[in-house]
């Protein structure tokens, strides 16, 4: 065997032996491994709210949403109550479960009557995120949280030119016609509200008119009805449980055969739970005593053209929104 050929054989043999020997493999933990570990420690969240799930998942990205409340680490319940100004007061209750058992937080968000759906859902999500910070800071995601504060200049006292008054004007009209038939319906409402810590005053004026005209064989058949009413209701708060009210209602209605009616009522209400919790639970007991007088257009089946009577009522109302 020639010297060159012998050298090639020895090199090939050496390479074969090297490939057969065990080689230790060392792998360093990559940033992706750290990210996966943090994700596995993310809060499992269940939300019961009017905000769409897709929007929540887009805006709250540091949690793991679950469909079963029993599997969640944190459960968020959103309840609401209409405010006197026409908006809504939302109560966002954050319940800790599993590893956060015993932790409960309550936050509030108030929307205005003029707020769009996008403004409301954005405000609710921001409120939820604030409520989740306490829980997320106790996980491995805590060091990755970045909390910012928008510094605001000292607000100047605002002067309410309307003195807490809110006015609402609404109306509607419908007209329909064809050969031999015409119909119209009109209604309108004016409402004035004034709400303070101790007094809630509501005044309403309402009017409606409906008319039909049928033409048949050269003759006309008309149907007409109108309804007018007013209501004045001041509610006085005594404390966080008691309140009392005066209610005055009057008006007329051709449909109800009432040329005029007037009702005056005095009532008291006691809420077992504080009014501050009314967005989630309320057990109200209400007593009213009233006097009503009615004058009819035509005699009733009881041969009466006028009628007056006293009336009492005792009401109990239970409302619960609980997890």
Protein backbone atom coordinates (compact mmCIF):
# COMPACT_ATOMS: atom_id res chain seq x y z
CA UNK A 1 0.00 0.00 0.00
CA UNK A 2 1.38 3.37 -0.95
CA UNK A 3 2.19 5.99 1.66
CA UNK A 4 -0.55 8.44 0.35
CA UNK A 5 -3.23 5.79 0.41
CA UNK A 6 -2.20 4.69 3.92
CA UNK A 7 -2.56 8.30 5.13
CA UNK A 8 -6.09 8.63 3.72
CA UNK A 9 -7.14 5.39 5.47
CA UNK A 10 -5.78 6.58 8.83
CA UNK A 11 -7.59 9.94 8.54
CA UNK A 12 -10.91 8.26 7.72
CA UNK A 13 -10.50 5.85 10.64
CA UNK A 14 -9.77 8.73 13.03
CA UNK A 15 -12.90 10.58 11.94
CA UNK A 16 -15.06 7.49 12.40
CA UNK A 17 -13.78 6.98 15.95
CA UNK A 18 -14.38 10.67 16.80
CA UNK A 19 -17.99 10.52 15.65
CA UNK A 20 -18.64 7.46 17.82
CA UNK A 21 -17.38 9.12 21.03
CA UNK A 22 -20.05 10.72 23.37
CA UNK A 23 -20.04 14.51 23.21
CA UNK A 24 -21.49 16.52 26.17
CA UNK A 25 -24.18 18.99 25.11
CA UNK A 26 -24.66 22.20 27.13
CA UNK A 27 -27.74 24.47 26.49
CA UNK A 28 -28.28 27.80 28.15
CA UNK A 29 -31.74 28.96 29.17
CA UNK A 30 -33.05 31.32 26.52
CA UNK A 31 -35.21 34.39 27.09
CA UNK A 32 -38.12 32.39 25.65
CA UNK A 33 -37.87 29.94 28.55
CA UNK A 34 -38.13 32.80 31.03
CA UNK A 35 -41.13 34.19 29.17
CA UNK A 36 -42.83 30.80 29.18
CA UNK A 37 -42.27 30.46 32.91
CA UNK A 38 -43.82 33.88 33.52
CA UNK A 39 -46.79 33.08 31.32
CA UNK A 40 -47.41 29.84 33.22
CA UNK A 41 -47.64 31.95 36.41
CA UNK A 42 -50.09 34.43 34.86
CA UNK A 43 -53.36 35.11 36.65
CA UNK A 44 -56.26 32.92 35.53
CA UNK A 45 -59.11 35.42 35.16
CA UNK A 46 -62.89 35.05 34.83
CA UNK A 47 -64.92 38.19 34.09
CA UNK A 48 -68.68 38.70 34.36
CA UNK A 49 -69.30 42.08 32.76
CA UNK A 50 -71.11 43.79 29.84
CA UNK A 51 -67.80 44.24 28.01
CA UNK A 52 -67.25 41.84 25.09
CA UNK A 53 -64.71 39.05 25.68
CA UNK A 54 -62.72 39.87 22.54
CA UNK A 55 -62.20 43.46 23.68
CA UNK A 56 -61.12 42.31 27.14
CA UNK A 57 -58.57 39.88 25.72
CA UNK A 58 -57.13 42.62 23.52
CA UNK A 59 -56.80 45.22 26.29
CA UNK A 60 -55.80 42.99 29.24
CA UNK A 61 -52.91 40.97 27.87
CA UNK A 62 -51.08 39.96 31.07
CA UNK A 63 -53.70 37.45 32.27
CA UNK A 64 -54.98 34.06 31.14
CA UNK A 65 -58.75 34.16 30.57
CA UNK A 66 -60.73 31.07 31.58
CA UNK A 67 -64.34 30.12 30.87
CA UNK A 68 -65.02 28.37 34.19
CA UNK A 69 -65.21 30.59 37.25
CA UNK A 70 -64.14 27.71 39.51
CA UNK A 71 -60.77 27.53 37.69
CA UNK A 72 -60.00 31.23 38.05
CA UNK A 73 -57.47 32.81 40.41
CA UNK A 74 -59.39 36.08 40.18
CA UNK A 75 -63.09 36.64 39.47
CA UNK A 76 -64.33 40.10 38.42
CA UNK A 77 -68.04 40.95 38.76
CA UNK A 78 -69.41 44.18 37.28
CA UNK A 79 -72.80 45.49 38.40
CA UNK A 80 -74.46 48.82 37.68
CA UNK A 81 -77.09 51.26 38.84
CA UNK A 82 -78.56 54.26 37.01
CA UNK A 83 -77.58 57.64 38.41
CA UNK A 84 -79.98 60.54 38.74
CA UNK A 85 -78.20 62.40 35.93
CA UNK A 86 -78.93 59.59 33.46
CA UNK A 87 -75.53 57.90 33.53
CA UNK A 88 -74.52 54.71 35.31
CA UNK A 89 -72.48 53.88 38.37
CA UNK A 90 -70.55 50.64 37.84
CA UNK A 91 -69.25 48.61 40.77
CA UNK A 92 -66.25 46.44 39.86
CA UNK A 93 -65.74 43.78 42.52
CA UNK A 94 -62.47 41.80 42.30
CA UNK A 95 -62.63 38.47 44.15
CA UNK A 96 -59.47 36.48 44.85
CA UNK A 97 -59.71 32.68 44.55
CA UNK A 98 -57.30 29.77 44.70
CA UNK A 99 -53.88 31.26 45.64
CA UNK A 100 -55.54 34.66 46.27
CA UNK A 101 -58.28 33.33 48.52
CA UNK A 102 -59.59 35.96 50.93
CA UNK A 103 -58.52 38.99 48.87
CA UNK A 104 -61.43 41.21 47.78
CA UNK A 105 -61.36 44.72 46.30
CA UNK A 106 -64.18 47.03 45.20
CA UNK A 107 -63.71 49.82 42.66
CA UNK A 108 -66.21 52.17 41.04
CA UNK A 109 -66.57 53.80 37.65
CA UNK A 110 -69.25 56.39 36.79
CA UNK A 111 -70.30 57.06 33.21
CA UNK A 112 -72.18 60.08 31.90
CA UNK A 113 -75.41 59.96 29.92
CA UNK A 114 -73.59 61.37 26.86
CA UNK A 115 -70.76 58.77 26.95
CA UNK A 116 -70.46 56.49 23.94
CA UNK A 117 -70.21 52.72 24.23
CA UNK A 118 -66.48 52.91 23.46
CA UNK A 119 -65.85 55.43 26.25
CA UNK A 120 -67.76 53.27 28.74
CA UNK A 121 -66.00 50.01 27.90
CA UNK A 122 -62.60 51.74 27.91
CA UNK A 123 -63.32 53.19 31.35
CA UNK A 124 -64.47 49.82 32.68
CA UNK A 125 -61.37 48.03 31.39
CA UNK A 126 -59.06 50.63 32.94
CA UNK A 127 -60.87 50.14 36.24
CA UNK A 128 -60.44 46.35 35.97
CA UNK A 129 -56.72 46.73 35.27
CA UNK A 130 -56.28 48.90 38.36
CA UNK A 131 -58.00 46.21 40.38
CA UNK A 132 -55.72 43.48 38.97
CA UNK A 133 -52.43 45.25 39.81
CA UNK A 134 -52.53 44.04 43.41
CA UNK A 135 -52.82 40.44 42.28
CA UNK A 136 -50.38 40.56 39.36
CA UNK A 137 -47.69 42.09 41.60
CA UNK A 138 -47.72 38.90 43.67
CA UNK A 139 -46.77 36.73 40.68
CA UNK A 140 -43.57 36.41 38.65
CA UNK A 141 -45.04 39.06 36.35
CA UNK A 142 -44.70 41.65 39.11
CA UNK A 143 -41.22 42.92 38.11
CA UNK A 144 -42.51 43.47 34.56
CA UNK A 145 -45.33 45.75 35.64
CA UNK A 146 -44.85 49.42 34.84
CA UNK A 147 -47.15 51.75 36.76
CA UNK A 148 -47.46 55.35 35.58
CA UNK A 149 -49.22 58.34 37.09
CA UNK A 150 -50.59 61.20 35.04
CA UNK A 151 -49.79 64.29 37.05
CA UNK A 152 -52.60 66.77 36.96
CA UNK A 153 -52.58 70.42 37.80
CA UNK A 154 -54.50 71.42 40.85
CA UNK A 155 -58.08 71.69 39.75
CA UNK A 156 -59.81 74.96 40.30
CA UNK A 157 -63.15 74.81 42.09
CA UNK A 158 -65.88 74.59 39.50
CA UNK A 159 -68.94 76.77 39.71
CA UNK A 160 -72.12 74.91 38.84
CA UNK A 161 -74.14 77.49 36.95
CA UNK A 162 -77.11 75.11 36.88
CA UNK A 163 -77.10 74.51 40.66
CA UNK A 164 -77.28 70.69 40.22
CA UNK A 165 -80.23 70.90 37.83
CA UNK A 166 -80.39 68.56 34.81
CA UNK A 167 -83.07 69.08 32.14
CA UNK A 168 -84.15 66.51 29.56
CA UNK A 169 -86.41 67.10 26.57
CA UNK A 170 -87.64 64.21 24.42
CA UNK A 171 -90.34 63.66 21.85
CA UNK A 172 -91.46 61.48 19.00
CA UNK A 173 -93.92 61.57 16.14
CA UNK A 174 -95.34 58.94 13.81
CA UNK A 175 -97.57 59.51 10.80
CA UNK A 176 -99.11 56.97 8.47
CA UNK A 177 -101.62 57.37 5.67
CA UNK A 178 -103.13 55.73 2.66
CA UNK A 179 -106.34 55.99 0.67
CA UNK A 180 -109.20 55.76 3.12
CA UNK A 181 -107.06 55.74 6.28
CA UNK A 182 -104.83 58.15 8.18
CA UNK A 183 -103.08 57.77 11.55
CA UNK A 184 -100.83 59.90 13.74
CA UNK A 185 -99.17 59.56 17.14
CA UNK A 186 -97.30 62.32 18.99
CA UNK A 187 -95.74 62.41 22.43
CA UNK A 188 -93.28 64.53 24.36
CA UNK A 189 -91.67 64.68 27.79
CA UNK A 190 -89.87 67.37 29.75
CA UNK A 191 -87.95 66.26 32.84
CA UNK A 192 -86.09 68.33 35.42
CA UNK A 193 -83.88 66.69 38.04
CA UNK A 194 -81.87 68.05 40.90
CA UNK A 195 -79.73 65.68 42.94
CA UNK A 196 -77.71 66.53 46.02
CA UNK A 197 -76.44 64.47 48.93
CA UNK A 198 -79.63 65.04 50.91
CA UNK A 199 -82.27 65.68 48.25
CA UNK A 200 -83.36 64.09 44.98
CA UNK A 201 -86.05 66.08 43.15
CA UNK A 202 -87.71 64.89 39.94
CA UNK A 203 -90.34 66.84 37.99
CA UNK A 204 -91.90 65.54 34.77
CA UNK A 205 -94.40 66.85 32.21
CA UNK A 206 -95.84 64.40 29.68
CA UNK A 207 -98.23 64.73 26.76
CA UNK A 208 -99.41 62.33 24.06
CA UNK A 209 -101.98 62.38 21.28
CA UNK A 210 -103.25 59.64 18.98
CA UNK A 211 -105.73 59.95 16.12
CA UNK A 212 -107.28 57.69 13.47
CA UNK A 213 -109.42 58.63 10.48
CA UNK A 214 -111.31 56.05 8.42
CA UNK A 215 -113.15 56.93 5.21
CA UNK A 216 -115.74 54.48 3.99
CA UNK A 217 -118.53 54.86 1.48
CA UNK A 218 -118.46 58.64 1.67
CA UNK A 219 -118.49 58.80 5.47
CA UNK A 220 -115.74 59.40 8.00
CA UNK A 221 -115.08 57.64 11.28
CA UNK A 222 -112.71 59.39 13.67
CA UNK A 223 -110.95 58.08 16.78
CA UNK A 224 -109.01 60.40 19.03
CA UNK A 225 -107.31 60.13 22.43
CA UNK A 226 -104.96 62.32 24.42
CA UNK A 227 -103.05 61.89 27.65
CA UNK A 228 -101.54 64.64 29.78
CA UNK A 229 -99.78 64.23 33.12
CA UNK A 230 -97.31 65.76 35.53
CA UNK A 231 -95.34 64.37 38.45
CA UNK A 232 -93.34 66.02 41.23
CA UNK A 233 -91.36 63.75 43.54
CA UNK A 234 -88.86 65.01 46.13
CA UNK A 235 -86.94 62.28 48.00
CA UNK A 236 -85.18 63.28 51.21
CA UNK A 237 -82.26 61.19 52.50
CA UNK A 238 -82.09 60.86 56.29
CA UNK A 239 -79.06 58.57 56.54
CA UNK A 240 -77.48 55.62 54.69
CA UNK A 241 -80.60 53.49 55.25
CA UNK A 242 -83.64 55.76 55.67
CA UNK A 243 -85.34 58.13 53.25
CA UNK A 244 -88.79 59.64 52.83
CA UNK A 245 -90.65 61.14 49.90
CA UNK A 246 -93.61 63.20 48.77
CA UNK A 247 -95.23 62.24 45.49
CA UNK A 248 -97.73 64.38 43.55
CA UNK A 249 -99.25 63.14 40.29
CA UNK A 250 -102.00 64.67 38.17
CA UNK A 251 -103.38 64.83 34.66
CA UNK A 252 -106.14 63.69 32.33
CA UNK A 253 -106.73 60.85 29.88
CA UNK A 254 -109.54 60.36 27.38
CA UNK A 255 -108.52 56.72 26.95
CA UNK A 256 -109.02 56.09 30.69
CA UNK A 257 -112.20 58.22 30.85
CA UNK A 258 -110.51 60.65 33.23
CA UNK A 259 -111.13 64.34 32.67
CA UNK A 260 -108.88 65.03 35.62
CA UNK A 261 -107.14 63.20 38.44
CA UNK A 262 -104.85 64.13 41.29
CA UNK A 263 -102.84 61.96 43.68
CA UNK A 264 -100.85 63.00 46.71
CA UNK A 265 -98.69 60.48 48.55
CA UNK A 266 -96.34 60.38 51.50
CA UNK A 267 -93.89 57.49 51.88
CA UNK A 268 -90.90 56.18 53.77
CA UNK A 269 -88.24 53.69 52.69
CA UNK A 270 -85.77 51.65 54.67
CA UNK A 271 -82.91 49.78 53.01
CA UNK A 272 -81.52 46.88 55.07
CA UNK A 273 -78.18 47.27 53.31
CA UNK A 274 -76.36 50.61 53.02
CA UNK A 275 -77.19 52.61 49.90
CA UNK A 276 -73.48 52.55 49.05
CA UNK A 277 -73.95 48.83 48.25
CA UNK A 278 -77.09 49.30 46.16
CA UNK A 279 -75.33 48.39 42.89
CA UNK A 280 -74.84 44.84 44.21
CA UNK A 281 -77.56 44.23 46.78
CA UNK A 282 -80.62 45.97 48.15
CA UNK A 283 -83.53 44.95 50.35
CA UNK A 284 -85.92 47.88 50.47
CA UNK A 285 -89.06 48.09 52.58
CA UNK A 286 -91.37 50.91 51.53
CA UNK A 287 -94.63 52.20 53.01
CA UNK A 288 -96.87 54.71 51.22
CA UNK A 289 -100.15 56.36 52.12
CA UNK A 290 -101.96 58.34 49.43
CA UNK A 291 -105.17 60.18 48.62
CA UNK A 292 -106.57 60.09 45.10
CA UNK A 293 -109.44 61.99 43.51
CA UNK A 294 -110.75 61.39 39.99
CA UNK A 295 -113.31 63.13 37.78
CA UNK A 296 -114.65 61.12 34.84
CA UNK A 297 -115.85 62.27 31.40
CA UNK A 298 -118.76 59.82 31.53
CA UNK A 299 -120.40 57.94 34.34
CA UNK A 300 -118.70 54.68 35.22
CA UNK A 301 -120.46 51.31 35.48
CA UNK A 302 -120.86 52.17 39.17
CA UNK A 303 -122.83 55.36 38.28
CA UNK A 304 -120.04 57.65 39.46
CA UNK A 305 -118.84 60.85 37.86
CA UNK A 306 -116.29 61.57 40.62
CA UNK A 307 -114.40 59.34 43.01
CA UNK A 308 -112.07 59.87 45.95
CA UNK A 309 -110.29 57.32 48.11
CA UNK A 310 -107.42 56.70 50.49
CA UNK A 311 -104.89 54.02 49.70
CA UNK A 312 -102.08 52.32 51.59
CA UNK A 313 -99.37 50.04 50.30
CA UNK A 314 -96.46 48.15 51.78
CA UNK A 315 -93.75 47.01 49.38
CA UNK A 316 -90.64 44.89 49.78
CA UNK A 317 -88.03 44.75 47.01
CA UNK A 318 -85.01 42.44 46.95
CA UNK A 319 -82.19 42.91 44.42
CA UNK A 320 -79.06 40.79 44.51
CA UNK A 321 -76.09 40.66 42.16
CA UNK A 322 -73.62 38.37 43.92
CA UNK A 323 -70.92 35.94 42.77
